[in-house]
N, C-alpha and C. Protein backbone atom coordinates (compact mmCIF):
# COMPACT_ATOMS: atom_id res chain seq x y z
N UNK A 1 0.84 -1.19 0.00
CA UNK A 1 0.00 0.00 0.00
C UNK A 1 0.88 1.24 0.00
N UNK A 2 0.50 2.26 -0.76
CA UNK A 2 1.29 3.49 -0.88
C UNK A 2 1.29 4.26 0.43
N UNK A 3 2.42 4.89 0.73
CA UNK A 3 2.52 5.70 1.94
C UNK A 3 2.48 7.18 1.62
N UNK A 4 2.47 7.56 0.37
CA UNK A 4 2.44 8.97 -0.02
C UNK A 4 1.00 9.45 -0.14
N UNK A 5 0.81 10.76 -0.02
CA UNK A 5 -0.53 11.32 -0.13
C UNK A 5 -0.80 11.89 -1.52
N UNK A 6 0.20 12.47 -2.13
CA UNK A 6 0.07 13.07 -3.46
C UNK A 6 1.37 12.87 -4.21
N UNK A 7 1.28 13.04 -5.53
CA UNK A 7 2.47 12.86 -6.37
C UNK A 7 2.78 14.15 -7.12
N UNK A 8 4.04 14.51 -7.08
CA UNK A 8 4.51 15.73 -7.76
C UNK A 8 5.36 15.32 -8.94
N UNK A 9 4.94 15.69 -10.14
CA UNK A 9 5.71 15.44 -11.35
C UNK A 9 6.71 16.57 -11.52
N UNK A 10 7.98 16.25 -11.58
CA UNK A 10 9.01 17.26 -11.76
C UNK A 10 9.67 17.06 -13.12
N UNK A 11 9.53 18.06 -13.97
CA UNK A 11 10.23 18.11 -15.25
C UNK A 11 11.45 18.99 -15.04
N UNK A 12 12.63 18.50 -15.44
CA UNK A 12 13.85 19.28 -15.24
C UNK A 12 14.98 18.73 -16.09
N UNK A 13 16.09 19.41 -16.06
CA UNK A 13 17.21 19.09 -16.91
C UNK A 13 17.99 17.85 -16.53
N UNK A 14 18.56 17.23 -17.56
CA UNK A 14 19.48 16.11 -17.35
C UNK A 14 20.91 16.64 -17.21
N UNK A 15 21.02 17.94 -17.15
CA UNK A 15 22.29 18.62 -16.85
C UNK A 15 22.05 19.51 -15.64
N UNK A 16 23.15 19.97 -15.03
CA UNK A 16 23.01 20.80 -13.83
C UNK A 16 22.95 22.29 -14.13
N UNK A 17 23.34 22.70 -15.32
CA UNK A 17 23.34 24.12 -15.62
C UNK A 17 24.54 24.83 -15.04
N UNK A 18 24.61 26.13 -15.27
CA UNK A 18 25.78 26.91 -14.87
C UNK A 18 25.74 27.47 -13.46
N UNK A 19 24.55 27.63 -12.91
CA UNK A 19 24.42 28.25 -11.59
C UNK A 19 24.20 27.18 -10.51
N UNK A 20 25.00 27.21 -9.45
CA UNK A 20 24.81 26.25 -8.35
C UNK A 20 23.40 26.31 -7.76
N UNK A 21 22.72 27.44 -7.90
CA UNK A 21 21.37 27.59 -7.35
C UNK A 21 20.41 26.59 -7.99
N UNK A 22 20.64 26.20 -9.24
CA UNK A 22 19.75 25.23 -9.89
C UNK A 22 19.77 23.90 -9.13
N UNK A 23 20.96 23.43 -8.81
CA UNK A 23 21.10 22.16 -8.08
C UNK A 23 20.59 22.32 -6.65
N UNK A 24 20.91 23.44 -6.02
CA UNK A 24 20.44 23.66 -4.65
C UNK A 24 18.91 23.63 -4.58
N UNK A 25 18.25 24.29 -5.53
CA UNK A 25 16.79 24.31 -5.52
C UNK A 25 16.22 22.92 -5.81
N UNK A 26 16.85 22.17 -6.71
CA UNK A 26 16.40 20.81 -7.00
C UNK A 26 16.50 19.95 -5.74
N UNK A 27 17.60 20.07 -5.03
CA UNK A 27 17.77 19.30 -3.79
C UNK A 27 16.74 19.71 -2.74
N UNK A 28 16.53 21.01 -2.59
CA UNK A 28 15.53 21.49 -1.62
C UNK A 28 14.15 20.98 -1.97
N UNK A 29 13.81 20.99 -3.26
CA UNK A 29 12.50 20.49 -3.66
C UNK A 29 12.36 19.01 -3.31
N UNK A 30 13.39 18.22 -3.55
CA UNK A 30 13.36 16.81 -3.18
C UNK A 30 13.11 16.62 -1.69
N UNK A 31 13.78 17.42 -0.88
CA UNK A 31 13.60 17.35 0.58
C UNK A 31 12.17 17.72 0.98
N UNK A 32 11.63 18.74 0.34
CA UNK A 32 10.27 19.18 0.65
C UNK A 32 9.26 18.11 0.25
N UNK A 33 9.47 17.51 -0.91
CA UNK A 33 8.56 16.44 -1.35
C UNK A 33 8.52 15.34 -0.30
N UNK A 34 9.68 14.96 0.21
CA UNK A 34 9.72 13.93 1.25
C UNK A 34 9.07 14.40 2.54
N UNK A 35 9.40 15.60 2.97
CA UNK A 35 8.86 16.13 4.24
C UNK A 35 7.34 16.22 4.22
N UNK A 36 6.78 16.48 3.06
CA UNK A 36 5.32 16.59 2.93
C UNK A 36 4.64 15.24 2.77
N UNK A 37 5.42 14.18 2.62
CA UNK A 37 4.84 12.86 2.42
C UNK A 37 4.33 12.65 1.00
N UNK A 38 4.87 13.43 0.05
CA UNK A 38 4.49 13.31 -1.35
C UNK A 38 5.43 12.33 -2.04
N UNK A 39 5.02 11.87 -3.20
CA UNK A 39 5.86 11.01 -4.02
C UNK A 39 6.42 11.84 -5.18
N UNK A 40 7.68 11.62 -5.48
CA UNK A 40 8.32 12.25 -6.63
C UNK A 40 8.06 11.41 -7.87
N UNK A 41 7.55 12.05 -8.91
CA UNK A 41 7.41 11.43 -10.23
C UNK A 41 8.34 12.23 -11.13
N UNK A 42 9.27 11.54 -11.80
CA UNK A 42 10.24 12.28 -12.61
C UNK A 42 10.81 11.37 -13.70
N UNK A 43 11.73 11.88 -14.47
CA UNK A 43 12.25 11.20 -15.64
C UNK A 43 13.23 10.07 -15.42
N UNK A 44 13.45 9.65 -14.18
CA UNK A 44 14.24 8.46 -13.83
C UNK A 44 15.74 8.56 -14.11
N UNK A 45 16.23 9.72 -14.47
CA UNK A 45 17.66 9.86 -14.68
C UNK A 45 18.41 10.07 -13.38
N UNK A 46 19.68 9.70 -13.37
CA UNK A 46 20.53 9.91 -12.20
C UNK A 46 21.59 10.95 -12.50
N UNK A 47 21.30 11.82 -13.45
CA UNK A 47 22.23 12.89 -13.84
C UNK A 47 21.51 14.23 -13.77
N UNK A 48 22.28 15.30 -13.74
CA UNK A 48 21.73 16.65 -13.78
C UNK A 48 20.78 16.94 -12.63
N UNK A 49 19.83 17.84 -12.92
CA UNK A 49 18.86 18.20 -11.90
C UNK A 49 17.94 17.03 -11.57
N UNK A 50 17.71 16.16 -12.56
CA UNK A 50 16.90 14.96 -12.30
C UNK A 50 17.51 14.14 -11.18
N UNK A 51 18.79 13.87 -11.30
CA UNK A 51 19.47 13.08 -10.27
C UNK A 51 19.48 13.79 -8.93
N UNK A 52 19.68 15.11 -8.95
CA UNK A 52 19.74 15.87 -7.70
C UNK A 52 18.41 15.82 -6.95
N UNK A 53 17.31 16.04 -7.64
CA UNK A 53 16.01 16.03 -6.98
C UNK A 53 15.68 14.62 -6.49
N UNK A 54 16.00 13.61 -7.27
CA UNK A 54 15.68 12.23 -6.88
C UNK A 54 16.51 11.77 -5.68
N UNK A 55 17.81 12.00 -5.73
CA UNK A 55 18.66 11.57 -4.61
C UNK A 55 18.25 12.28 -3.32
N UNK A 56 17.96 13.55 -3.43
CA UNK A 56 17.55 14.33 -2.26
C UNK A 56 16.23 13.80 -1.69
N UNK A 57 15.28 13.55 -2.58
CA UNK A 57 13.99 13.01 -2.13
C UNK A 57 14.17 11.65 -1.47
N UNK A 58 14.98 10.79 -2.09
CA UNK A 58 15.22 9.46 -1.54
C UNK A 58 15.89 9.54 -0.17
N UNK A 59 16.93 10.36 -0.05
CA UNK A 59 17.65 10.47 1.22
C UNK A 59 16.74 10.95 2.34
N UNK A 60 15.74 11.76 1.98
CA UNK A 60 14.81 12.28 2.98
C UNK A 60 13.61 11.36 3.18
N UNK A 61 13.56 10.22 2.45
CA UNK A 61 12.54 9.21 2.70
C UNK A 61 11.34 9.21 1.78
N UNK A 62 11.39 9.95 0.69
CA UNK A 62 10.25 9.98 -0.24
C UNK A 62 10.19 8.74 -1.12
N UNK A 63 8.99 8.40 -1.53
CA UNK A 63 8.83 7.39 -2.57
C UNK A 63 9.15 8.05 -3.90
N UNK A 64 9.74 7.28 -4.79
CA UNK A 64 10.15 7.81 -6.09
C UNK A 64 9.61 6.93 -7.21
N UNK A 65 9.05 7.59 -8.21
CA UNK A 65 8.46 6.92 -9.37
C UNK A 65 9.15 7.51 -10.59
N UNK A 66 10.01 6.72 -11.21
CA UNK A 66 10.77 7.20 -12.37
C UNK A 66 10.28 6.58 -13.66
N UNK A 67 10.29 7.39 -14.72
CA UNK A 67 9.83 6.94 -16.02
C UNK A 67 10.88 7.34 -17.06
N UNK A 68 11.40 6.35 -17.78
CA UNK A 68 12.46 6.63 -18.74
C UNK A 68 12.25 5.79 -20.00
N UNK A 69 12.45 6.39 -21.16
CA UNK A 69 12.35 5.59 -22.39
C UNK A 69 13.61 4.75 -22.57
N UNK A 70 13.45 3.62 -23.23
CA UNK A 70 14.54 2.67 -23.43
C UNK A 70 15.79 3.34 -23.97
N UNK A 71 15.64 4.23 -24.95
CA UNK A 71 16.81 4.82 -25.60
C UNK A 71 17.58 5.80 -24.72
N UNK A 72 17.03 6.17 -23.55
CA UNK A 72 17.74 7.09 -22.66
C UNK A 72 18.29 6.43 -21.39
N UNK A 73 18.07 5.14 -21.23
CA UNK A 73 18.52 4.47 -20.01
C UNK A 73 20.02 4.67 -19.78
N UNK A 74 20.83 4.51 -20.81
CA UNK A 74 22.28 4.70 -20.65
C UNK A 74 22.65 6.18 -20.62
N UNK A 75 22.08 6.95 -21.51
CA UNK A 75 22.43 8.37 -21.63
C UNK A 75 22.10 9.16 -20.36
N UNK A 76 20.95 8.89 -19.77
CA UNK A 76 20.55 9.61 -18.57
C UNK A 76 20.84 8.81 -17.30
N UNK A 77 21.59 7.73 -17.44
CA UNK A 77 21.97 6.86 -16.33
C UNK A 77 20.72 6.51 -15.51
N UNK A 78 19.85 5.74 -16.14
CA UNK A 78 18.60 5.35 -15.50
C UNK A 78 18.80 4.88 -14.07
N UNK A 79 18.11 5.51 -13.15
CA UNK A 79 18.25 5.24 -11.71
C UNK A 79 17.44 4.00 -11.37
N UNK A 80 18.10 2.94 -10.96
CA UNK A 80 17.44 1.66 -10.74
C UNK A 80 17.01 1.42 -9.29
N UNK A 81 17.39 2.30 -8.37
CA UNK A 81 17.05 2.09 -6.96
C UNK A 81 15.81 2.89 -6.54
N UNK A 82 14.94 3.17 -7.48
CA UNK A 82 13.73 3.92 -7.20
C UNK A 82 12.66 3.01 -6.59
N UNK A 83 11.67 3.61 -5.98
CA UNK A 83 10.54 2.83 -5.46
C UNK A 83 9.86 2.10 -6.61
N UNK A 84 9.71 2.81 -7.73
CA UNK A 84 9.14 2.20 -8.93
C UNK A 84 9.81 2.80 -10.15
N UNK A 85 10.18 1.95 -11.09
CA UNK A 85 10.80 2.38 -12.34
C UNK A 85 9.99 1.81 -13.50
N UNK A 86 9.60 2.70 -14.42
CA UNK A 86 8.88 2.30 -15.61
C UNK A 86 9.74 2.65 -16.81
N UNK A 87 9.97 1.69 -17.69
CA UNK A 87 10.72 1.93 -18.92
C UNK A 87 9.71 1.92 -20.07
N UNK A 88 9.67 3.04 -20.80
CA UNK A 88 8.72 3.18 -21.91
C UNK A 88 9.43 3.00 -23.24
N UNK A 89 8.64 2.90 -24.29
CA UNK A 89 9.20 2.76 -25.63
C UNK A 89 9.69 4.08 -26.20
N UNK A 90 9.04 5.19 -25.81
CA UNK A 90 9.40 6.48 -26.42
C UNK A 90 9.13 7.64 -25.46
N UNK A 91 9.49 8.83 -25.92
CA UNK A 91 9.35 10.04 -25.10
C UNK A 91 7.88 10.38 -24.83
N UNK A 92 7.03 10.20 -25.84
CA UNK A 92 5.63 10.54 -25.65
C UNK A 92 5.02 9.69 -24.54
N UNK A 93 5.31 8.40 -24.54
CA UNK A 93 4.80 7.53 -23.47
C UNK A 93 5.35 7.97 -22.12
N UNK A 94 6.61 8.37 -22.10
CA UNK A 94 7.22 8.83 -20.84
C UNK A 94 6.42 9.98 -20.27
N UNK A 95 6.15 10.99 -21.09
CA UNK A 95 5.40 12.15 -20.62
C UNK A 95 4.01 11.75 -20.13
N UNK A 96 3.36 10.89 -20.88
CA UNK A 96 2.00 10.47 -20.52
C UNK A 96 1.99 9.73 -19.19
N UNK A 97 2.91 8.79 -19.00
CA UNK A 97 2.96 8.03 -17.75
C UNK A 97 3.27 8.96 -16.58
N UNK A 98 4.21 9.87 -16.76
CA UNK A 98 4.54 10.82 -15.70
C UNK A 98 3.31 11.66 -15.35
N UNK A 99 2.67 12.20 -16.37
CA UNK A 99 1.51 13.06 -16.15
C UNK A 99 0.38 12.30 -15.47
N UNK A 100 0.08 11.11 -15.96
CA UNK A 100 -1.05 10.33 -15.43
C UNK A 100 -0.83 9.90 -13.97
N UNK A 101 0.40 9.85 -13.53
CA UNK A 101 0.71 9.43 -12.17
C UNK A 101 1.04 10.58 -11.25
N UNK A 102 0.56 11.78 -11.58
CA UNK A 102 0.87 12.94 -10.76
C UNK A 102 -0.38 13.77 -10.48
N UNK A 103 -0.27 14.58 -9.43
CA UNK A 103 -1.35 15.49 -9.04
C UNK A 103 -1.02 16.94 -9.34
N UNK A 104 0.25 17.24 -9.54
CA UNK A 104 0.70 18.59 -9.86
C UNK A 104 1.99 18.49 -10.65
N UNK A 105 2.27 19.52 -11.44
CA UNK A 105 3.47 19.54 -12.27
C UNK A 105 4.35 20.70 -11.83
N UNK A 106 5.64 20.41 -11.69
CA UNK A 106 6.63 21.44 -11.37
C UNK A 106 7.70 21.38 -12.45
N UNK A 107 8.05 22.54 -12.99
CA UNK A 107 9.08 22.61 -14.02
C UNK A 107 10.26 23.38 -13.44
N UNK A 108 11.40 22.70 -13.33
CA UNK A 108 12.66 23.31 -12.90
C UNK A 108 13.43 23.68 -14.16
N UNK A 109 14.54 24.39 -14.02
CA UNK A 109 15.35 24.68 -15.22
C UNK A 109 15.70 23.41 -15.98
N UNK A 110 15.74 23.55 -17.28
CA UNK A 110 16.06 22.42 -18.14
C UNK A 110 16.19 22.87 -19.58
N UNK A 111 16.36 21.93 -20.46
CA UNK A 111 16.58 22.24 -21.87
C UNK A 111 15.37 21.96 -22.73
N UNK A 112 15.63 21.52 -23.95
CA UNK A 112 14.56 21.29 -24.92
C UNK A 112 13.55 20.26 -24.43
N UNK A 113 14.02 19.22 -23.76
CA UNK A 113 13.10 18.21 -23.24
C UNK A 113 12.15 18.79 -22.21
N UNK A 114 12.67 19.62 -21.32
CA UNK A 114 11.82 20.26 -20.30
C UNK A 114 10.82 21.21 -20.95
N UNK A 115 11.27 21.91 -21.98
CA UNK A 115 10.35 22.79 -22.71
C UNK A 115 9.24 21.98 -23.37
N UNK A 116 9.60 20.87 -23.98
CA UNK A 116 8.62 20.00 -24.61
C UNK A 116 7.60 19.53 -23.58
N UNK A 117 8.07 19.10 -22.43
CA UNK A 117 7.19 18.61 -21.38
C UNK A 117 6.26 19.73 -20.89
N UNK A 118 6.84 20.90 -20.67
CA UNK A 118 6.05 22.05 -20.23
C UNK A 118 4.94 22.38 -21.22
N UNK A 119 5.31 22.52 -22.49
CA UNK A 119 4.31 22.92 -23.48
C UNK A 119 3.26 21.84 -23.71
N UNK A 120 3.62 20.59 -23.55
CA UNK A 120 2.62 19.54 -23.71
C UNK A 120 1.57 19.62 -22.61
N UNK A 121 2.00 19.72 -21.34
CA UNK A 121 1.01 19.77 -20.26
C UNK A 121 0.24 21.09 -20.28
N UNK A 122 0.88 22.17 -20.72
CA UNK A 122 0.18 23.44 -20.85
C UNK A 122 -0.89 23.36 -21.95
N UNK A 123 -0.55 22.75 -23.07
CA UNK A 123 -1.52 22.58 -24.16
C UNK A 123 -2.68 21.72 -23.71
N UNK A 124 -2.38 20.62 -23.02
CA UNK A 124 -3.45 19.76 -22.51
C UNK A 124 -4.38 20.54 -21.58
N UNK A 125 -3.78 21.39 -20.75
CA UNK A 125 -4.59 22.21 -19.82
C UNK A 125 -5.44 23.20 -20.61
N UNK A 126 -4.86 23.86 -21.59
CA UNK A 126 -5.58 24.83 -22.41
C UNK A 126 -6.77 24.16 -23.12
N UNK A 127 -6.59 22.93 -23.53
CA UNK A 127 -7.65 22.19 -24.23
C UNK A 127 -8.69 21.59 -23.28
N UNK A 128 -8.48 21.77 -21.98
CA UNK A 128 -9.42 21.26 -21.00
C UNK A 128 -9.27 19.78 -20.69
N UNK A 129 -8.11 19.21 -21.00
CA UNK A 129 -7.89 17.79 -20.77
C UNK A 129 -7.48 17.48 -19.33
N UNK A 130 -7.13 18.52 -18.57
CA UNK A 130 -6.83 18.34 -17.15
C UNK A 130 -6.95 19.67 -16.43
N UNK A 131 -6.92 19.59 -15.10
CA UNK A 131 -6.97 20.80 -14.27
C UNK A 131 -5.82 20.81 -13.26
N UNK A 132 -4.82 20.00 -13.50
CA UNK A 132 -3.69 19.94 -12.57
C UNK A 132 -2.91 21.26 -12.60
N UNK A 133 -2.45 21.71 -11.42
CA UNK A 133 -1.66 22.93 -11.40
C UNK A 133 -0.30 22.72 -12.06
N UNK A 134 0.16 23.75 -12.76
CA UNK A 134 1.47 23.75 -13.40
C UNK A 134 2.27 24.88 -12.78
N UNK A 135 3.35 24.51 -12.10
CA UNK A 135 4.20 25.48 -11.43
C UNK A 135 5.58 25.51 -12.07
N UNK A 136 6.14 26.69 -12.18
CA UNK A 136 7.47 26.88 -12.74
C UNK A 136 8.36 27.45 -11.65
N UNK A 137 9.48 26.80 -11.37
CA UNK A 137 10.45 27.34 -10.43
C UNK A 137 11.45 28.17 -11.23
N UNK A 138 11.36 29.46 -11.08
CA UNK A 138 12.13 30.42 -11.88
C UNK A 138 13.45 30.78 -11.19
N UNK A 139 14.23 29.78 -10.88
CA UNK A 139 15.52 29.97 -10.20
C UNK A 139 16.42 30.90 -10.98
N UNK A 140 16.93 31.92 -10.31
CA UNK A 140 17.85 32.88 -10.94
C UNK A 140 17.26 33.51 -12.20
N UNK A 141 15.92 33.56 -12.28
CA UNK A 141 15.25 34.14 -13.45
C UNK A 141 15.36 33.30 -14.70
N UNK A 142 15.69 32.01 -14.53
CA UNK A 142 15.93 31.14 -15.68
C UNK A 142 14.77 31.14 -16.67
N UNK A 143 13.54 31.10 -16.16
CA UNK A 143 12.39 30.99 -17.04
C UNK A 143 11.81 32.33 -17.46
N UNK A 144 12.46 33.45 -17.16
CA UNK A 144 11.94 34.75 -17.60
C UNK A 144 11.68 34.79 -19.11
N UNK A 145 12.58 34.31 -19.96
CA UNK A 145 12.28 34.33 -21.40
C UNK A 145 11.07 33.48 -21.78
N UNK A 146 10.88 32.35 -21.10
CA UNK A 146 9.72 31.51 -21.37
C UNK A 146 8.44 32.25 -21.00
N UNK A 147 8.42 32.85 -19.83
CA UNK A 147 7.24 33.57 -19.38
C UNK A 147 6.95 34.75 -20.30
N UNK A 148 8.01 35.42 -20.77
CA UNK A 148 7.83 36.52 -21.73
C UNK A 148 7.27 35.99 -23.05
N UNK A 149 7.73 34.81 -23.47
CA UNK A 149 7.22 34.22 -24.71
C UNK A 149 5.73 33.92 -24.60
N UNK A 150 5.30 33.37 -23.49
CA UNK A 150 3.87 33.08 -23.31
C UNK A 150 3.07 34.38 -23.42
N UNK A 151 3.55 35.43 -22.78
CA UNK A 151 2.88 36.73 -22.88
C UNK A 151 2.90 37.26 -24.31
N UNK A 152 3.99 37.05 -25.01
CA UNK A 152 4.10 37.49 -26.41
C UNK A 152 3.09 36.74 -27.30
N UNK A 153 2.96 35.45 -27.10
CA UNK A 153 2.00 34.64 -27.86
C UNK A 153 0.58 35.20 -27.66
N UNK A 154 0.27 35.57 -26.43
CA UNK A 154 -1.04 36.15 -26.13
C UNK A 154 -1.18 37.53 -26.77
N UNK A 155 -0.15 38.37 -26.61
CA UNK A 155 -0.20 39.73 -27.17
C UNK A 155 -0.34 39.73 -28.68
N UNK A 156 0.23 38.73 -29.33
CA UNK A 156 0.16 38.65 -30.79
C UNK A 156 -1.09 37.92 -31.29
N UNK A 157 -1.97 37.55 -30.38
CA UNK A 157 -3.25 36.98 -30.76
C UNK A 157 -3.26 35.50 -31.07
N UNK A 158 -2.22 34.76 -30.66
CA UNK A 158 -2.18 33.32 -30.93
C UNK A 158 -2.69 32.49 -29.76
N UNK A 159 -3.01 33.14 -28.68
CA UNK A 159 -3.62 32.48 -27.52
C UNK A 159 -4.42 33.52 -26.77
N UNK A 160 -5.37 33.06 -26.02
CA UNK A 160 -6.20 33.93 -25.22
C UNK A 160 -5.52 34.17 -23.87
N UNK A 161 -5.83 35.29 -23.24
CA UNK A 161 -5.26 35.59 -21.93
C UNK A 161 -5.66 34.57 -20.88
N UNK A 162 -6.68 33.76 -21.17
CA UNK A 162 -7.09 32.71 -20.24
C UNK A 162 -5.99 31.67 -20.03
N UNK A 163 -4.97 31.69 -20.87
CA UNK A 163 -3.82 30.78 -20.74
C UNK A 163 -2.97 31.12 -19.50
N UNK A 164 -2.91 32.39 -19.16
CA UNK A 164 -2.02 32.85 -18.09
C UNK A 164 -2.24 32.19 -16.73
N UNK A 165 -3.47 32.02 -16.26
CA UNK A 165 -3.65 31.41 -14.94
C UNK A 165 -3.27 29.93 -14.86
N UNK A 166 -3.01 29.31 -15.99
CA UNK A 166 -2.67 27.89 -15.98
C UNK A 166 -1.23 27.64 -15.51
N UNK A 167 -0.40 28.69 -15.52
CA UNK A 167 1.00 28.56 -15.12
C UNK A 167 1.30 29.59 -14.04
N UNK A 168 1.89 29.12 -12.95
CA UNK A 168 2.28 30.02 -11.88
C UNK A 168 3.78 29.86 -11.65
N UNK A 169 4.49 30.98 -11.68
CA UNK A 169 5.95 30.96 -11.50
C UNK A 169 6.32 31.43 -10.10
N UNK A 170 7.38 30.82 -9.57
CA UNK A 170 7.89 31.17 -8.25
C UNK A 170 9.39 31.35 -8.35
N UNK A 171 9.91 32.32 -7.59
CA UNK A 171 11.35 32.61 -7.60
C UNK A 171 12.11 31.79 -6.58
N UNK A 172 11.40 31.15 -5.64
CA UNK A 172 12.09 30.37 -4.61
C UNK A 172 11.29 29.12 -4.27
N UNK A 173 11.99 28.15 -3.75
CA UNK A 173 11.41 26.84 -3.46
C UNK A 173 10.35 26.91 -2.37
N UNK A 174 10.54 27.77 -1.38
CA UNK A 174 9.59 27.81 -0.27
C UNK A 174 8.24 28.36 -0.70
N UNK A 175 8.23 29.36 -1.58
CA UNK A 175 6.96 29.87 -2.12
C UNK A 175 6.29 28.80 -2.97
N UNK A 176 7.08 28.09 -3.75
CA UNK A 176 6.56 26.98 -4.55
C UNK A 176 5.93 25.92 -3.64
N UNK A 177 6.63 25.56 -2.59
CA UNK A 177 6.13 24.54 -1.66
C UNK A 177 4.80 24.96 -1.04
N UNK A 178 4.68 26.23 -0.66
CA UNK A 178 3.43 26.73 -0.08
C UNK A 178 2.30 26.62 -1.10
N UNK A 179 2.58 26.93 -2.35
CA UNK A 179 1.56 26.82 -3.41
C UNK A 179 1.17 25.38 -3.65
N UNK A 180 2.13 24.48 -3.62
CA UNK A 180 1.83 23.05 -3.77
C UNK A 180 0.94 22.57 -2.64
N UNK A 181 1.28 22.96 -1.41
CA UNK A 181 0.46 22.56 -0.26
C UNK A 181 -0.97 23.03 -0.44
N UNK A 182 -1.13 24.28 -0.83
CA UNK A 182 -2.47 24.86 -1.00
C UNK A 182 -3.23 24.15 -2.13
N UNK A 183 -2.54 23.84 -3.21
CA UNK A 183 -3.20 23.22 -4.36
C UNK A 183 -3.57 21.77 -4.10
N UNK A 184 -2.85 21.11 -3.23
CA UNK A 184 -3.05 19.67 -3.03
C UNK A 184 -3.89 19.33 -1.81
N UNK A 185 -4.42 20.34 -1.14
CA UNK A 185 -5.26 20.05 0.04
C UNK A 185 -6.73 20.08 -0.32
């Protein structure tokens, strides 16, 4: 029987990035997930921010649910000591399994894969396919260009302003954690 109350899907980089704050925030988020009794759902890698958030969550006692496509097991050093590991055939299945097994989505700094994941869950939300909260951790202002792009898309008439409430950005982990608590109660 599961011991967690809710599951947090974390999309993030398979690299650590240039600023130590990215790794620090990933570690803090992992600790908070464990302290709250939540389960971490993530991309199952043991590298970059993925590895940092997972190791931190595990060390603090959280259950971990990792999802990785076959072709990335070696590249992302698939973490085999998770509570549950699912290996999918492709990236699309990975995103779907992660999404379906979570109650909220958090996007940490990352690259093209994280952007793909973000835009997929945002599109699904816009289309009314879910109502899960989507949170962005804007460490060191990393996601400022993304947030500006979303506003630009709206300003140029390619999306309605109703898109804006679907994404909430936070500059620090503690504000994010408070929002997660509020959204999941």
